[in-house]
Amino acid sequence: MTWRLTRRQALAGLAAAVPLAGCTTLAGRGGEPASMARVPSPSLDTLSRRSGRRFGSSIGANPGGRRQGGTIGNPAYAAIVKGECSLVVPENELKWQATRPGPEAFDFARMDAIVAWAQANSLAVRGHTLLWHRPKWFPQWLNDYDFGANPVREAERLVVEHIRTVTDRYRGTIHSYDVVNEAIDHDSHGTLATSLSRAMGSPEAVLDLAFHSAREQLPDGQLVYNDYMSWEPQHRHHCNDVLRLLEGFRKRGVPVDALGVQSHIEMFSLDPATGVGSYDEAGWRRFLDEVVGMGYKLLITEFDVKDKALPGEIALRDERVADYARRYFDLMLEYDELGDILVWGMVDGFNWLQGFAPRDDGLEVRGSPYASDYRPKPLRTALARSFMAAT
């Protein structure tokens, strides 16, 4: 099944577009807060395009549940995405757990819904991910799989079949994929072992096969290795591990085009001089210089801010989060190799951090551009100013 934008869908997208002057007013609907929210203009995508980049966000299709309210089925949330973005990426709907319930079964219902919605609103779609090479995030059947008498051939079949099935289905629609996501063991500093790597003999054999299979399917596509290294001193070892992985790809002739820098930036501790999180600017520049020096492009794929170290007072916290993000983006936007910029959700209340990296005081993490009442925050202003300065 190949997706194509029809004339009717294109017209629907134009009708839903947000004007580039003034603000769009959103009223809470469907049980959402009745407070009014405003999407500023110009949009973040308009501002980022001035330096040749696109701006986008992750989005979901699952109905029900608090976090899943930040989806295409939530009118207020969807309007913010349409007003600010030209690009979306599924948060969970293209991962193996969602698309492959068994070794011979595929289920694309939720991903199809995202693609149909994006096309109806003239939004491009990225693919995340063809292979999350981490046992914790494998479907259980894959962790327990019996690879039979010829384990190498069977593991290769599973990987190649998966990549071909996904890329064939969204051919002509998705041109950029996170082919492999988070393949490094943070503790051992090596590549992670999985059922697939044990069957094929090494983790590198699996990763290389994934990229070669994706290139065979998408000769002109953008193939990305995606990982969570960042500019905090605590990530220095992980940055070195990623560099070794990227160097290995180049030495082996693996067709990797870009590094996806997730950018879940975090304030582990506060710098007394600035009041925001400590960061290793010189070390981060060295890391980025080495990456682009090997010929890789860069993307920001999953931006948000972990504010755990900041005090609870909202105005102060929002100010510090915005300042920390501005410093980060001012640095990243210096690199001509940086392309698309995506945040991992637009609204605080639906951000994954609420469940996966909560604050010790139980307060809501405020690491997204919009608050839970759908109003833009200082973080949104900081992004806009950094995008404007990049021109």
Protein backbone atom coordinates (compact mmCIF):
# COMPACT_ATOMS: atom_id res chain seq x y z
CA MET A 1 0.00 0.00 0.00
CA THR A 2 1.52 3.34 -1.08
CA TRP A 3 0.23 6.61 0.27
CA ARG A 4 -0.48 9.53 -2.08
CA LEU A 5 -1.88 12.97 -1.27
CA THR A 6 -5.18 13.41 -3.10
CA ARG A 7 -6.57 16.76 -4.26
CA ARG A 8 -9.32 16.51 -1.65
CA GLN A 9 -6.74 15.95 1.10
CA ALA A 10 -4.65 18.85 -0.16
CA LEU A 11 -7.66 21.16 -0.04
CA ALA A 12 -8.45 19.94 3.48
CA GLY A 13 -4.92 20.79 4.50
CA LEU A 14 -5.20 24.31 3.07
CA ALA A 15 -8.47 24.87 4.86
CA ALA A 16 -6.91 23.83 8.15
CA ALA A 17 -3.76 25.93 7.75
CA VAL A 18 -3.03 28.60 10.35
CA PRO A 19 -2.53 32.18 9.03
CA LEU A 20 0.96 33.63 9.22
CA ALA A 21 -0.18 36.90 10.77
CA GLY A 22 -1.80 37.39 14.16
CA CYS A 23 -2.80 34.40 16.29
CA THR A 24 -5.10 31.43 16.00
CA THR A 25 -7.48 31.04 18.94
CA LEU A 26 -8.34 27.57 20.17
CA ALA A 27 -11.23 26.71 22.43
CA GLY A 28 -11.12 23.57 24.53
CA ARG A 29 -13.42 20.88 23.13
CA GLY A 30 -14.28 17.27 23.79
CA GLY A 31 -13.75 17.51 27.52
CA GLU A 32 -10.57 19.60 27.21
CA PRO A 33 -10.18 22.80 29.29
CA ALA A 34 -12.46 25.63 28.25
CA SER A 35 -9.61 28.15 28.53
CA MET A 36 -8.54 29.85 25.33
CA ALA A 37 -5.17 29.11 23.76
CA ARG A 38 -3.37 31.06 21.10
CA VAL A 39 -0.89 29.82 18.51
CA PRO A 40 1.54 32.68 17.81
CA SER A 41 2.55 33.72 14.33
CA PRO A 42 4.86 33.32 12.52
CA SER A 43 4.88 29.60 13.28
CA LEU A 44 7.98 27.79 14.50
CA ASP A 45 8.13 26.05 11.14
CA THR A 46 8.03 29.36 9.27
CA LEU A 47 10.86 30.70 11.41
CA SER A 48 12.98 27.57 11.08
CA ARG A 49 12.55 27.53 7.30
CA ARG A 50 14.32 30.89 7.10
CA SER A 51 17.54 28.96 7.67
CA GLY A 52 16.50 26.05 5.45
CA ARG A 53 15.13 23.73 8.14
CA ARG A 54 11.74 22.23 8.95
CA PHE A 55 10.10 22.11 12.37
CA GLY A 56 7.94 19.24 13.56
CA SER A 57 6.69 17.15 16.46
CA SER A 58 5.93 13.61 17.49
CA ILE A 59 2.27 12.72 17.59
CA GLY A 60 0.16 9.71 18.53
CA ALA A 61 -2.96 7.94 17.32
CA ASN A 62 -4.01 5.90 20.37
CA PRO A 63 -7.46 6.83 21.71
CA GLY A 64 -8.08 7.25 25.42
CA GLY A 65 -5.81 7.89 28.35
CA ARG A 66 -4.24 11.13 29.54
CA ARG A 67 -0.99 10.97 27.60
CA GLN A 68 -2.75 9.65 24.53
CA GLY A 69 -4.87 12.81 24.58
CA GLY A 70 -1.92 14.50 22.88
CA THR A 71 -2.91 12.94 19.59
CA ILE A 72 -4.66 13.54 16.31
CA GLY A 73 -7.96 12.88 18.12
CA ASN A 74 -7.52 15.86 20.46
CA PRO A 75 -8.74 19.00 18.63
CA ALA A 76 -6.76 21.52 20.69
CA TYR A 77 -3.56 19.53 20.51
CA ALA A 78 -3.94 18.78 16.81
CA ALA A 79 -4.52 22.47 16.06
CA ILE A 80 -1.22 23.38 17.73
CA VAL A 81 0.61 20.78 15.64
CA LYS A 82 -1.03 22.03 12.46
CA GLY A 83 -0.30 25.62 13.39
CA GLU A 84 3.36 25.18 14.30
CA CYS A 85 4.68 22.23 12.25
CA SER A 86 5.24 20.99 8.72
CA LEU A 87 6.50 17.59 9.82
CA VAL A 88 5.32 14.88 12.21
CA VAL A 89 6.75 11.60 13.47
CA PRO A 90 4.90 8.78 15.23
CA GLU A 91 5.83 8.53 18.90
CA ASN A 92 5.14 4.78 19.17
CA GLU A 93 3.01 3.68 16.23
CA LEU A 94 5.83 2.50 13.92
CA LYS A 95 7.85 0.59 16.50
CA TRP A 96 7.97 -3.22 16.31
CA GLN A 97 5.76 -3.52 19.41
CA ALA A 98 2.99 -1.64 17.59
CA THR A 99 3.36 -2.95 14.05
CA ARG A 100 4.45 -6.58 14.46
CA PRO A 101 2.37 -8.57 16.94
CA GLY A 102 3.93 -11.84 15.71
CA PRO A 103 6.67 -13.10 13.41
CA GLU A 104 4.29 -13.46 10.47
CA ALA A 105 1.81 -10.70 11.37
CA PHE A 106 1.77 -6.95 10.80
CA ASP A 107 -0.69 -4.32 12.07
CA PHE A 108 -0.47 -0.82 10.61
CA ALA A 109 -3.89 0.52 11.66
CA ARG A 110 -2.55 3.20 14.03
CA MET A 111 0.32 4.22 11.78
CA ASP A 112 -2.03 4.42 8.80
CA ALA A 113 -4.24 6.77 10.82
CA ILE A 114 -1.29 9.10 11.47
CA VAL A 115 -0.25 9.12 7.82
CA ALA A 116 -3.81 9.78 6.62
CA TRP A 117 -4.20 12.65 9.11
CA ALA A 118 -0.83 14.13 8.18
CA GLN A 119 -1.61 14.02 4.47
CA ALA A 120 -5.04 15.56 5.03
CA ASN A 121 -3.27 18.48 6.73
CA SER A 122 -0.32 18.77 4.30
CA LEU A 123 2.24 17.58 6.86
CA ALA A 124 5.28 15.49 5.97
CA VAL A 125 6.00 12.31 7.96
CA ARG A 126 9.26 10.88 9.34
CA GLY A 127 9.67 7.22 10.25
CA HIS A 128 10.60 6.14 13.80
CA THR A 129 11.92 3.46 13.94
CA LEU A 130 12.76 0.49 11.71
CA LEU A 131 14.79 -1.20 14.44
CA TRP A 132 15.02 -0.29 18.13
CA HIS A 133 17.91 -2.62 18.89
CA ARG A 134 17.23 -2.99 22.60
CA PRO A 135 15.73 -6.11 24.23
CA LYS A 136 13.60 -4.02 26.59
CA TRP A 137 11.73 -2.61 23.62
CA PHE A 138 11.53 -5.75 21.48
CA PRO A 139 8.14 -7.45 21.33
CA GLN A 140 8.29 -10.40 23.70
CA TRP A 141 7.91 -12.90 20.88
CA LEU A 142 11.18 -11.63 19.38
CA ASN A 143 13.07 -11.94 22.67
CA ASP A 144 11.85 -15.54 22.97
CA TYR A 145 12.08 -16.48 19.29
CA ASP A 146 13.38 -19.88 18.17
CA PHE A 147 15.60 -19.15 15.15
CA GLY A 148 15.75 -22.81 14.19
CA ALA A 149 18.51 -24.77 12.46
CA ASN A 150 19.87 -21.81 10.51
CA PRO A 151 19.67 -18.89 12.95
CA VAL A 152 21.64 -16.44 10.78
CA ARG A 153 19.34 -16.85 7.81
CA GLU A 154 16.19 -16.69 9.94
CA ALA A 155 17.30 -13.54 11.79
CA GLU A 156 18.21 -11.91 8.48
CA ARG A 157 14.80 -12.84 7.11
CA LEU A 158 12.98 -11.24 10.03
CA VAL A 159 14.94 -7.97 9.79
CA VAL A 160 14.84 -7.65 6.00
CA GLU A 161 11.17 -8.60 5.81
CA HIS A 162 10.29 -6.00 8.42
CA ILE A 163 12.17 -3.19 6.71
CA ARG A 164 10.83 -4.07 3.27
CA THR A 165 7.26 -4.31 4.52
CA VAL A 166 7.34 -0.93 6.26
CA THR A 167 9.18 0.97 3.54
CA ASP A 168 7.02 -0.53 0.79
CA ARG A 169 3.86 0.48 2.61
CA TYR A 170 4.92 4.10 3.01
CA ARG A 171 6.93 4.45 -0.19
CA GLY A 172 6.60 7.95 -1.59
CA THR A 173 5.43 9.30 1.77
CA ILE A 174 8.23 8.68 4.27
CA HIS A 175 11.67 9.68 3.00
CA SER A 176 13.59 9.87 6.29
CA TYR A 177 13.80 7.00 8.76
CA ASP A 178 15.45 6.41 12.10
CA VAL A 179 16.70 3.09 10.77
CA VAL A 180 18.31 2.09 14.07
CA ASN A 181 17.50 3.57 17.46
CA GLU A 182 19.66 3.44 20.62
CA ALA A 183 21.93 0.46 19.94
CA ILE A 184 24.51 1.20 22.67
CA ASP A 185 24.65 -0.29 26.16
CA HIS A 186 25.05 2.68 28.50
CA ASP A 187 26.78 0.53 31.15
CA SER A 188 29.18 -1.61 29.10
CA HIS A 189 29.75 1.11 26.44
CA GLY A 190 29.45 -1.50 23.69
CA THR A 191 26.64 -2.35 21.31
CA LEU A 192 23.69 -4.15 22.87
CA ALA A 193 23.24 -7.89 22.50
CA THR A 194 19.76 -9.07 21.51
CA SER A 195 18.11 -12.24 20.28
CA LEU A 196 18.85 -11.04 16.74
CA SER A 197 22.53 -10.33 17.41
CA ARG A 198 23.01 -13.70 19.10
CA ALA A 199 21.47 -15.39 16.08
CA MET A 200 23.58 -13.42 13.59
CA GLY A 201 26.84 -13.48 15.54
CA SER A 202 27.24 -9.83 16.54
CA PRO A 203 25.21 -6.65 17.10
CA GLU A 204 27.08 -4.95 14.25
CA ALA A 205 25.85 -7.61 11.81
CA VAL A 206 22.25 -6.69 12.68
CA LEU A 207 22.77 -2.93 12.51
CA ASP A 208 24.65 -3.10 9.21
CA LEU A 209 21.98 -5.34 7.68
CA ALA A 210 19.26 -2.88 8.74
CA PHE A 211 20.96 0.04 7.01
CA HIS A 212 21.89 -1.90 3.87
CA SER A 213 18.30 -3.18 3.60
CA ALA A 214 16.92 0.32 4.05
CA ARG A 215 19.27 1.69 1.36
CA GLU A 216 18.24 -1.03 -1.05
CA GLN A 217 14.63 0.00 -0.50
CA LEU A 218 15.25 3.77 -0.44
CA PRO A 219 18.18 4.72 -2.69
CA ASP A 220 17.45 8.43 -2.17
CA GLY A 221 16.08 8.25 1.37
CA GLN A 222 17.65 9.76 4.48
CA LEU A 223 18.90 6.94 6.72
CA VAL A 224 19.49 7.99 10.32
CA TYR A 225 21.11 6.47 13.38
CA ASN A 226 19.21 7.92 16.35
CA ASP A 227 20.50 8.15 19.97
CA TYR A 228 20.13 10.11 23.20
CA MET A 229 23.60 11.63 23.73
CA SER A 230 23.52 15.26 24.76
CA TRP A 231 25.67 18.15 25.99
CA GLU A 232 25.55 17.44 29.73
CA PRO A 233 28.85 16.28 31.29
CA GLN A 234 27.08 13.08 32.37
CA HIS A 235 26.73 12.11 28.67
CA ARG A 236 30.43 12.40 27.82
CA HIS A 237 31.06 8.64 27.83
CA HIS A 238 27.96 7.97 25.78
CA CYS A 239 29.09 10.54 23.21
CA ASN A 240 32.37 8.65 22.88
CA ASP A 241 30.48 5.39 22.44
CA VAL A 242 28.37 6.91 19.68
CA LEU A 243 31.48 8.20 17.93
CA ARG A 244 32.97 4.71 17.93
CA LEU A 245 29.77 3.32 16.46
CA LEU A 246 29.69 5.98 13.73
CA GLU A 247 33.37 5.41 12.94
CA GLY A 248 32.63 1.70 12.58
CA PHE A 249 29.80 2.41 10.15
CA ARG A 250 32.13 4.48 7.98
CA LYS A 251 34.93 1.91 8.03
CA ARG A 252 32.53 -0.88 7.03
CA GLY A 253 30.83 1.20 4.31
CA VAL A 254 27.44 1.16 6.03
CA PRO A 255 25.04 3.66 4.36
CA VAL A 256 24.23 5.94 7.29
CA ASP A 257 23.44 9.51 6.23
CA ALA A 258 22.83 11.35 9.48
CA LEU A 259 22.94 11.25 13.26
CA GLY A 260 19.65 11.86 14.99
CA VAL A 261 20.46 13.85 18.14
CA GLN A 262 17.44 13.15 20.32
CA SER A 263 18.06 16.22 22.53
CA HIS A 264 16.15 15.28 25.67
CA ILE A 265 18.34 17.88 27.37
CA GLU A 266 18.48 17.62 31.15
CA MET A 267 19.40 19.73 34.13
CA PHE A 268 21.11 17.16 36.36
CA SER A 269 22.46 19.95 38.61
CA LEU A 270 22.35 23.75 38.53
CA ASP A 271 25.27 25.97 37.57
CA PRO A 272 25.56 28.69 40.29
CA ALA A 273 26.69 31.22 37.68
CA THR A 274 23.67 30.84 35.39
CA GLY A 275 20.96 29.20 37.51
CA VAL A 276 20.40 26.65 34.75
CA GLY A 277 21.78 23.18 34.21
CA SER A 278 25.47 22.53 33.81
CA TYR A 279 26.60 21.71 30.29
CA ASP A 280 29.89 20.95 28.58
CA GLU A 281 29.87 23.33 25.62
CA ALA A 282 33.45 22.67 24.53
CA GLY A 283 33.06 18.90 24.76
CA TRP A 284 29.75 18.98 22.89
CA ARG A 285 31.27 21.05 20.09
CA ARG A 286 34.12 18.57 19.79
CA PHE A 287 31.60 15.75 19.54
CA LEU A 288 29.55 17.48 16.85
CA ASP A 289 32.68 18.49 14.94
CA GLU A 290 33.81 14.87 14.84
CA VAL A 291 30.39 13.69 13.67
CA VAL A 292 30.13 16.17 10.80
CA GLY A 293 33.83 15.67 10.06
CA MET A 294 32.99 12.06 9.19
CA GLY A 295 30.46 13.33 6.67
CA TYR A 296 27.28 12.84 8.68
CA LYS A 297 24.38 15.27 8.67
CA LEU A 298 22.55 16.13 11.90
CA LEU A 299 18.90 16.18 12.95
CA ILE A 300 17.29 17.13 16.25
CA THR A 301 14.74 14.35 16.54
CA GLU A 302 13.15 14.35 20.03
CA PHE A 303 13.70 17.66 21.81
CA ASP A 304 12.31 18.44 25.25
CA VAL A 305 13.73 19.59 28.59
CA LYS A 306 13.98 17.63 31.84
CA ASP A 307 13.52 20.22 34.60
CA LYS A 308 13.94 17.95 37.65
CA ALA A 309 16.73 20.03 39.24
CA LEU A 310 14.77 23.29 39.11
CA PRO A 311 12.58 24.62 41.93
CA GLY A 312 8.85 24.13 41.64
CA GLU A 313 7.80 27.78 41.20
CA ILE A 314 6.34 27.89 37.69
CA ALA A 315 7.43 31.32 36.47
CA LEU A 316 11.03 30.78 37.54
CA ARG A 317 11.08 27.24 36.21
CA ASP A 318 9.71 28.29 32.81
CA GLU A 319 12.29 31.07 32.60
CA ARG A 320 15.19 28.70 33.36
CA VAL A 321 13.93 26.01 30.98
CA ALA A 322 13.68 28.60 28.21
CA ASP A 323 17.16 29.93 28.92
CA TYR A 324 18.68 26.45 28.91
CA ALA A 325 16.97 25.58 25.62
CA ARG A 326 18.02 28.86 24.00
CA ARG A 327 21.66 28.19 24.83
CA TYR A 328 21.39 24.71 23.36
CA PHE A 329 19.69 25.79 20.14
CA ASP A 330 21.97 28.77 19.62
CA LEU A 331 24.85 26.28 19.54
CA MET A 332 23.15 23.62 17.43
CA LEU A 333 21.96 26.11 14.83
CA GLU A 334 25.54 27.16 14.13
CA TYR A 335 25.96 23.87 12.26
CA ASP A 336 24.99 24.04 8.60
CA GLU A 337 24.78 20.24 8.69
CA LEU A 338 21.74 20.46 10.98
CA GLY A 339 18.49 19.78 9.15
CA ASP A 340 15.04 18.99 10.53
CA ILE A 341 14.17 19.92 14.11
CA LEU A 342 11.50 17.94 15.95
CA VAL A 343 10.21 18.16 19.50
CA TRP A 344 8.93 15.07 21.31
CA GLY A 345 5.46 16.49 21.83
CA MET A 346 4.08 20.03 21.93
CA VAL A 347 2.12 20.09 25.21
CA ASP A 348 3.40 19.37 28.74
CA GLY A 349 0.52 17.23 29.94
CA PHE A 350 1.02 14.64 27.22
CA ASN A 351 4.81 14.52 27.23
CA TRP A 352 6.46 11.15 27.92
CA LEU A 353 8.53 12.73 30.72
CA GLN A 354 5.51 12.87 33.02
CA GLY A 355 5.65 9.09 33.34
CA PHE A 356 9.25 8.19 32.50
CA ALA A 357 11.21 10.99 34.21
CA PRO A 358 8.89 12.58 36.80
CA ARG A 359 9.92 15.28 39.24
CA ASP A 360 10.62 14.27 42.83
CA ASP A 361 8.09 16.83 44.09
CA GLY A 362 5.30 15.34 41.97
CA LEU A 363 4.79 18.56 39.98
CA GLU A 364 4.26 18.40 36.25
CA VAL A 365 7.40 18.50 34.12
CA ARG A 366 7.34 21.71 32.07
CA GLY A 367 9.64 20.74 29.20
CA SER A 368 7.43 21.29 26.13
CA PRO A 369 6.68 24.48 24.16
CA TYR A 370 3.04 24.61 25.33
CA ALA A 371 1.52 24.25 28.79
CA SER A 372 -1.23 21.79 29.61
CA ASP A 373 -3.83 24.53 29.06
CA TYR A 374 -2.55 24.74 25.45
CA ARG A 375 -0.99 28.16 25.95
CA PRO A 376 2.51 28.91 24.58
CA LYS A 377 5.26 29.16 27.18
CA PRO A 378 8.60 30.99 27.40
CA LEU A 379 10.19 27.85 25.92
CA ARG A 380 8.22 28.43 22.73
CA THR A 381 9.46 32.04 22.66
CA ALA A 382 13.05 30.88 23.16
CA LEU A 383 12.81 28.49 20.22
CA ALA A 384 11.35 31.22 18.02
CA ARG A 385 14.15 33.64 18.92
CA SER A 386 16.86 31.05 18.25
CA PHE A 387 15.32 30.22 14.87
CA MET A 388 15.16 33.92 13.98
CA ALA A 389 18.76 34.50 15.02
CA ALA A 390 19.90 31.57 12.84
CA THR A 391 19.03 33.55 9.72
